[in-house]
C-alpha atoms as a PDB file:
ATOM      1  CA  UNK A   1      56.708 101.694  76.271  1.00  0.00           C
ATOM      2  CA  UNK A   2      53.666 103.698  75.234  1.00  0.00           C
ATOM      3  CA  UNK A   3      50.849 101.976  73.451  1.00  0.00           C
ATOM      4  CA  UNK A   4      49.691 104.336  70.736  1.00  0.00           C
ATOM      5  CA  UNK A   5      47.577 102.014  68.610  1.00  0.00           C
ATOM      6  CA  UNK A   6      45.060 101.093  71.334  1.00  0.00           C
ATOM      7  CA  UNK A   7      42.335 103.552  72.372  1.00  0.00           C
ATOM      8  CA  UNK A   8      43.233 103.356  76.076  1.00  0.00           C
ATOM      9  CA  UNK A   9      40.513 105.771  77.329  1.00  0.00           C
ATOM     10  CA  UNK A  10      37.915 103.837  75.340  1.00  0.00           C
ATOM     11  CA  UNK A  11      38.813 100.345  76.524  1.00  0.00           C
ATOM     12  CA  UNK A  12      35.688  99.959  78.729  1.00  0.00           C
ATOM     13  CA  UNK A  13      33.577 100.871  75.706  1.00  0.00           C
ATOM     14  CA  UNK A  14      35.580  98.474  73.567  1.00  0.00           C
ATOM     15  CA  UNK A  15      34.972  95.600  75.966  1.00  0.00           C
ATOM     16  CA  UNK A  16      31.271  96.446  76.225  1.00  0.00           C
ATOM     17  CA  UNK A  17      31.082  96.648  72.446  1.00  0.00           C
ATOM     18  CA  UNK A  18      32.756  93.281  72.097  1.00  0.00           C
ATOM     19  CA  UNK A  19      30.581  91.695  74.759  1.00  0.00           C
ATOM     20  CA  UNK A  20      27.349  93.093  73.349  1.00  0.00           C
ATOM     21  CA  UNK A  21      28.082  92.303  69.696  1.00  0.00           C
ATOM     22  CA  UNK A  22      26.646  88.742  69.964  1.00  0.00           C
ATOM     23  CA  UNK A  23      23.456  90.163  71.465  1.00  0.00           C
ATOM     24  CA  UNK A  24      23.253  92.621  68.586  1.00  0.00           C
ATOM     25  CA  UNK A  25      23.742  90.139  65.780  1.00  0.00           C
ATOM     26  CA  UNK A  26      22.687  86.745  67.173  1.00  0.00           C
ATOM     27  CA  UNK A  27      19.818  87.897  69.371  1.00  0.00           C
ATOM     28  CA  UNK A  28      18.664  90.436  66.812  1.00  0.00           C
ATOM     29  CA  UNK A  29      18.913  88.101  63.814  1.00  0.00           C
ATOM     30  CA  UNK A  30      15.152  87.500  63.720  1.00  0.00           C
ATOM     31  CA  UNK A  31      14.579  91.258  63.535  1.00  0.00           C
ATOM     32  CA  UNK A  32      16.987  91.599  60.625  1.00  0.00           C
ATOM     33  CA  UNK A  33      15.316  88.762  58.725  1.00  0.00           C
ATOM     34  CA  UNK A  34      11.888  90.292  59.386  1.00  0.00           C
ATOM     35  CA  UNK A  35      13.147  93.717  58.292  1.00  0.00           C
ATOM     36  CA  UNK A  36      14.538  92.257  55.079  1.00  0.00           C
ATOM     37  CA  UNK A  37      11.210  90.567  54.348  1.00  0.00           C
ATOM     38  CA  UNK A  38       9.378  93.842  55.062  1.00  0.00           C
ATOM     39  CA  UNK A  39      11.645  95.752  52.701  1.00  0.00           C
ATOM     40  CA  UNK A  40      11.047  93.138  50.006  1.00  0.00           C
ATOM     41  CA  UNK A  41       7.271  93.557  50.445  1.00  0.00           C
ATOM     42  CA  UNK A  42       7.655  97.354  50.643  1.00  0.00           C
ATOM     43  CA  UNK A  43       5.968  97.553  54.024  1.00  0.00           C
ATOM     44  CA  UNK A  44       7.042  98.726  57.448  1.00  0.00           C
ATOM     45  CA  UNK A  45       6.727  96.664  60.593  1.00  0.00           C
ATOM     46  CA  UNK A  46       8.143  96.446  64.086  1.00  0.00           C
ATOM     47  CA  UNK A  47      11.118  94.346  62.940  1.00  0.00           C
ATOM     48  CA  UNK A  48      12.164  97.086  60.528  1.00  0.00           C
ATOM     49  CA  UNK A  49      11.870  99.724  63.247  1.00  0.00           C
ATOM     50  CA  UNK A  50      13.922  97.733  65.755  1.00  0.00           C
ATOM     51  CA  UNK A  51      16.611  96.746  63.267  1.00  0.00           C
ATOM     52  CA  UNK A  52      17.055 100.284  61.927  1.00  0.00           C
ATOM     53  CA  UNK A  53      17.210 101.783  65.419  1.00  0.00           C
ATOM     54  CA  UNK A  54      19.582  99.255  66.939  1.00  0.00           C
ATOM     55  CA  UNK A  55      21.847  99.110  63.899  1.00  0.00           C
ATOM     56  CA  UNK A  56      22.055 102.907  63.831  1.00  0.00           C
ATOM     57  CA  UNK A  57      23.074 102.962  67.499  1.00  0.00           C
ATOM     58  CA  UNK A  58      25.586 100.142  67.013  1.00  0.00           C
ATOM     59  CA  UNK A  59      27.173 101.614  63.864  1.00  0.00           C
ATOM     60  CA  UNK A  60      27.344 105.108  65.390  1.00  0.00           C
ATOM     61  CA  UNK A  61      28.988 103.715  68.521  1.00  0.00           C
ATOM     62  CA  UNK A  62      31.498 101.731  66.479  1.00  0.00           C
ATOM     63  CA  UNK A  63      32.454 104.797  64.454  1.00  0.00           C
ATOM     64  CA  UNK A  64      32.789 106.927  67.591  1.00  0.00           C
ATOM     65  CA  UNK A  65      34.893 104.219  69.236  1.00  0.00           C
ATOM     66  CA  UNK A  66      37.415 103.736  66.451  1.00  0.00           C
ATOM     67  CA  UNK A  67      37.314 107.207  64.842  1.00  0.00           C
ATOM     68  CA  UNK A  68      36.587 109.645  67.687  1.00  0.00           C
ATOM     69  CA  UNK A  69      37.090 112.729  65.535  1.00  0.00           C
ATOM     70  CA  UNK A  70      34.591 111.653  62.889  1.00  0.00           C
ATOM     71  CA  UNK A  71      31.722 113.673  64.384  1.00  0.00           C
ATOM     72  CA  UNK A  72      32.059 117.324  65.456  1.00  0.00           C
ATOM     73  CA  UNK A  73      30.623 116.920  68.959  1.00  0.00           C
ATOM     74  CA  UNK A  74      32.196 117.262  72.383  1.00  0.00           C
ATOM     75  CA  UNK A  75      30.587 114.239  74.023  1.00  0.00           C
ATOM     76  CA  UNK A  76      31.391 111.010  72.296  1.00  0.00           C
ATOM     77  CA  UNK A  77      28.972 108.682  74.015  1.00  0.00           C
ATOM     78  CA  UNK A  78      28.529 105.143  72.785  1.00  0.00           C
ATOM     79  CA  UNK A  79      25.235 103.283  72.722  1.00  0.00           C
ATOM     80  CA  UNK A  80      26.226  99.620  72.568  1.00  0.00           C
ATOM     81  CA  UNK A  81      24.331  98.777  75.737  1.00  0.00           C
ATOM     82  CA  UNK A  82      21.225 100.712  74.676  1.00  0.00           C
ATOM     83  CA  UNK A  83      21.055  98.724  71.469  1.00  0.00           C
ATOM     84  CA  UNK A  84      21.453  95.415  73.309  1.00  0.00           C
ATOM     85  CA  UNK A  85      18.875  96.346  75.949  1.00  0.00           C
ATOM     86  CA  UNK A  86      16.296  97.212  73.289  1.00  0.00           C
ATOM     87  CA  UNK A  87      16.820  93.847  71.597  1.00  0.00           C
ATOM     88  CA  UNK A  88      16.719  91.995  74.917  1.00  0.00           C
ATOM     89  CA  UNK A  89      13.514  93.722  76.069  1.00  0.00           C
ATOM     90  CA  UNK A  90      11.703  93.072  72.815  1.00  0.00           C
ATOM     91  CA  UNK A  91      12.786  89.412  72.832  1.00  0.00           C
ATOM     92  CA  UNK A  92      11.652  89.121  76.460  1.00  0.00           C
ATOM     93  CA  UNK A  93       8.301  90.685  75.532  1.00  0.00           C
ATOM     94  CA  UNK A  94       7.830  88.242  72.656  1.00  0.00           C
ATOM     95  CA  UNK A  95       8.658  85.338  74.969  1.00  0.00           C
ATOM     96  CA  UNK A  96       6.197  86.527  77.599  1.00  0.00           C
ATOM     97  CA  UNK A  97       3.517  87.042  74.954  1.00  0.00           C
ATOM     98  CA  UNK A  98       3.908  83.464  73.716  1.00  0.00           C
ATOM     99  CA  UNK A  99       3.833  82.080  77.260  1.00  0.00           C
ATOM    100  CA  UNK A 100       0.648  83.997  78.067  1.00  0.00           C
ATOM    101  CA  UNK A 101      -0.981  82.875  74.803  1.00  0.00           C
ATOM    102  CA  UNK A 102      -0.260  79.233  75.629  1.00  0.00           C
ATOM    103  CA  UNK A 103      -1.678  79.538  79.124  1.00  0.00           C
ATOM    104  CA  UNK A 104      -4.764  81.431  78.020  1.00  0.00           C
ATOM    105  CA  UNK A 105      -5.525  79.008  75.184  1.00  0.00           C
ATOM    106  CA  UNK A 106      -5.214  76.130  77.640  1.00  0.00           C
ATOM    107  CA  UNK A 107      -7.638  77.901  79.966  1.00  0.00           C
ATOM    108  CA  UNK A 108     -10.106  78.476  77.145  1.00  0.00           C
ATOM    109  CA  UNK A 109      -9.928  74.775  76.219  1.00  0.00           C
ATOM    110  CA  UNK A 110     -10.701  73.820  79.825  1.00  0.00           C
ATOM    111  CA  UNK A 111     -13.691  76.174  79.829  1.00  0.00           C
ATOM    112  CA  UNK A 112     -14.948  74.708  76.567  1.00  0.00           C
ATOM    113  CA  UNK A 113     -14.654  71.200  78.010  1.00  0.00           C
ATOM    114  CA  UNK A 114     -16.958  72.223  80.854  1.00  0.00           C
END
């Protein structure tokens, strides 16, 4: 029996897309909220940049995955992992920034106590 409804050559991309979807939408939720607030204020910030870039990569990859003939290009690369890595690196950078701020403010308090 031949399976014609499943994109057999794209199954690794499908599994990566399914695995990285929570990173895209749960991990990136703060960026989407910040982008929405920026659009409401008619300003641009880093959240808007990250959300537009990662959503563009995710939506493009989803279209290429399910409708491979939608774009007239030979290579149909998907960028699910690129989108997730960008979100993960920015979240890691924000975490490290907060940790360094806490340590440095504690050090400044100790110096002021001297």
